[in-house]
Amino acid sequence: MATLTSRRWEASISSPGHDRRLGPVKWRDLIARLKKLGWRGPVPSRHDYMVLGARKVHIPNDREIDAGLLRVILNEAGISRDEWLDTD
């Protein structure tokens, strides 16, 4: 049984994209990367947002966006983790 667990662990660390994790991102970097992906904005309002066609994503005014909130924003925007990480 230990070997099976070891093999699963080895497979998981050798799988493509394993080390590509979402981390905290600065507000300025979030805006710049969304713009690279075609989003317009930020549109100033009570809650700033960015626009792509009919889609609207609210952007927090925090200096740094943690990984959990970034995941929520990307999900609302319809942006995959790989697409986001490839926009460096």
C-alpha atoms as a PDB file:
ATOM      1  CA  MET A   1       0.000   0.000   0.000  1.00  0.00           C
ATOM      2  CA  ALA A   2       2.861   2.395   0.730  1.00  0.00           C
ATOM      3  CA  THR A   3       4.141   1.911  -2.803  1.00  0.00           C
ATOM      4  CA  LEU A   4       0.772   2.805  -4.287  1.00  0.00           C
ATOM      5  CA  THR A   5       0.693   5.997  -2.241  1.00  0.00           C
ATOM      6  CA  SER A   6       4.273   6.765  -3.267  1.00  0.00           C
ATOM      7  CA  ARG A   7       3.433   6.235  -6.932  1.00  0.00           C
ATOM      8  CA  ARG A   8       0.419   8.528  -6.687  1.00  0.00           C
ATOM      9  CA  TRP A   9       2.559  11.169  -5.033  1.00  0.00           C
ATOM     10  CA  GLU A  10       5.285  10.802  -7.684  1.00  0.00           C
ATOM     11  CA  ALA A  11       2.667  11.030 -10.422  1.00  0.00           C
ATOM     12  CA  SER A  12       1.159  14.139  -8.895  1.00  0.00           C
ATOM     13  CA  ILE A  13       4.458  15.993  -8.625  1.00  0.00           C
ATOM     14  CA  SER A  14       5.506  15.071 -12.140  1.00  0.00           C
ATOM     15  CA  SER A  15       2.201  16.043 -13.735  1.00  0.00           C
ATOM     16  CA  PRO A  16       2.308  19.124 -15.962  1.00  0.00           C
ATOM     17  CA  GLY A  17       1.338  22.354 -14.257  1.00  0.00           C
ATOM     18  CA  HIS A  18       1.882  20.999 -10.735  1.00  0.00           C
ATOM     19  CA  ASP A  19       4.079  23.922  -9.677  1.00  0.00           C
ATOM     20  CA  ARG A  20       1.817  26.486 -11.357  1.00  0.00           C
ATOM     21  CA  ARG A  21      -0.272  27.739  -8.477  1.00  0.00           C
ATOM     22  CA  LEU A  22      -2.254  30.886  -8.052  1.00  0.00           C
ATOM     23  CA  GLY A  23      -0.701  33.153  -5.492  1.00  0.00           C
ATOM     24  CA  PRO A  24      -1.392  36.610  -4.177  1.00  0.00           C
ATOM     25  CA  VAL A  25      -1.288  39.334  -6.810  1.00  0.00           C
ATOM     26  CA  LYS A  26      -0.966  43.096  -6.506  1.00  0.00           C
ATOM     27  CA  TRP A  27      -3.962  45.160  -7.613  1.00  0.00           C
ATOM     28  CA  ARG A  28      -1.914  46.825 -10.345  1.00  0.00           C
ATOM     29  CA  ASP A  29      -0.794  43.441 -11.718  1.00  0.00           C
ATOM     30  CA  LEU A  30      -4.370  42.126 -11.660  1.00  0.00           C
ATOM     31  CA  ILE A  31      -5.535  45.079 -13.767  1.00  0.00           C
ATOM     32  CA  ALA A  32      -2.590  44.807 -16.195  1.00  0.00           C
ATOM     33  CA  ARG A  33      -3.110  41.082 -16.757  1.00  0.00           C
ATOM     34  CA  LEU A  34      -6.866  41.458 -17.252  1.00  0.00           C
ATOM     35  CA  LYS A  35      -6.149  44.167 -19.837  1.00  0.00           C
ATOM     36  CA  LYS A  36      -3.776  41.780 -21.648  1.00  0.00           C
ATOM     37  CA  LEU A  37      -6.707  39.368 -21.815  1.00  0.00           C
ATOM     38  CA  GLY A  38      -8.891  42.023 -23.471  1.00  0.00           C
ATOM     39  CA  TRP A  39     -10.746  43.484 -20.482  1.00  0.00           C
ATOM     40  CA  ARG A  40     -11.448  47.247 -20.331  1.00  0.00           C
ATOM     41  CA  GLY A  41     -11.318  49.311 -17.187  1.00  0.00           C
ATOM     42  CA  PRO A  42     -11.266  49.623 -14.325  1.00  0.00           C
ATOM     43  CA  VAL A  43     -14.502  51.570 -14.559  1.00  0.00           C
ATOM     44  CA  PRO A  44     -14.764  53.842 -11.529  1.00  0.00           C
ATOM     45  CA  SER A  45     -17.936  53.400  -9.517  1.00  0.00           C
ATOM     46  CA  ARG A  46     -18.888  52.572  -5.977  1.00  0.00           C
ATOM     47  CA  HIS A  47     -17.403  49.145  -6.709  1.00  0.00           C
ATOM     48  CA  ASP A  48     -14.862  49.366  -9.538  1.00  0.00           C
ATOM     49  CA  TYR A  49     -15.270  46.796 -12.278  1.00  0.00           C
ATOM     50  CA  MET A  50     -13.802  45.679 -15.593  1.00  0.00           C
ATOM     51  CA  VAL A  51     -15.729  44.869 -18.756  1.00  0.00           C
ATOM     52  CA  LEU A  52     -15.316  42.401 -21.621  1.00  0.00           C
ATOM     53  CA  GLY A  53     -18.269  42.458 -24.003  1.00  0.00           C
ATOM     54  CA  ALA A  54     -21.351  41.862 -21.867  1.00  0.00           C
ATOM     55  CA  ARG A  55     -19.311  40.472 -18.947  1.00  0.00           C
ATOM     56  CA  LYS A  56     -18.575  42.562 -15.875  1.00  0.00           C
ATOM     57  CA  VAL A  57     -16.197  41.626 -13.053  1.00  0.00           C
ATOM     58  CA  HIS A  58     -15.986  43.645  -9.854  1.00  0.00           C
ATOM     59  CA  ILE A  59     -12.475  44.435  -8.707  1.00  0.00           C
ATOM     60  CA  PRO A  60     -11.714  44.924  -5.008  1.00  0.00           C
ATOM     61  CA  ASN A  61      -9.807  48.020  -3.933  1.00  0.00           C
ATOM     62  CA  ASP A  62      -7.315  45.983  -1.903  1.00  0.00           C
ATOM     63  CA  ARG A  63      -3.599  46.568  -2.523  1.00  0.00           C
ATOM     64  CA  GLU A  64      -3.036  42.823  -2.710  1.00  0.00           C
ATOM     65  CA  ILE A  65      -5.538  40.194  -3.794  1.00  0.00           C
ATOM     66  CA  ASP A  66      -5.050  36.820  -2.076  1.00  0.00           C
ATOM     67  CA  ALA A  67      -5.199  33.534  -3.979  1.00  0.00           C
ATOM     68  CA  GLY A  68      -8.746  32.690  -2.856  1.00  0.00           C
ATOM     69  CA  LEU A  69     -10.223  35.989  -4.006  1.00  0.00           C
ATOM     70  CA  LEU A  70      -8.201  35.826  -7.227  1.00  0.00           C
ATOM     71  CA  ARG A  71      -9.735  32.394  -7.903  1.00  0.00           C
ATOM     72  CA  VAL A  72     -13.237  33.876  -7.429  1.00  0.00           C
ATOM     73  CA  ILE A  73     -12.483  36.794  -9.772  1.00  0.00           C
ATOM     74  CA  LEU A  74     -11.070  34.488 -12.455  1.00  0.00           C
ATOM     75  CA  ASN A  75     -14.063  32.179 -12.154  1.00  0.00           C
ATOM     76  CA  GLU A  76     -16.485  35.089 -12.607  1.00  0.00           C
ATOM     77  CA  ALA A  77     -14.436  36.299 -15.582  1.00  0.00           C
ATOM     78  CA  GLY A  78     -14.372  32.849 -17.178  1.00  0.00           C
ATOM     79  CA  ILE A  79     -10.562  32.758 -17.159  1.00  0.00           C
ATOM     80  CA  SER A  80      -8.844  29.435 -16.547  1.00  0.00           C
ATOM     81  CA  ARG A  81      -5.894  29.092 -14.189  1.00  0.00           C
ATOM     82  CA  ASP A  82      -3.594  28.158 -17.089  1.00  0.00           C
ATOM     83  CA  GLU A  83      -4.786  31.095 -19.208  1.00  0.00           C
ATOM     84  CA  TRP A  84      -4.131  33.435 -16.266  1.00  0.00           C
ATOM     85  CA  LEU A  85      -0.676  32.041 -15.551  1.00  0.00           C
ATOM     86  CA  ASP A  86       0.296  32.239 -19.236  1.00  0.00           C
ATOM     87  CA  THR A  87      -0.322  36.023 -19.298  1.00  0.00           C
ATOM     88  CA  ASP A  88       2.821  36.930 -17.336  1.00  0.00           C
END
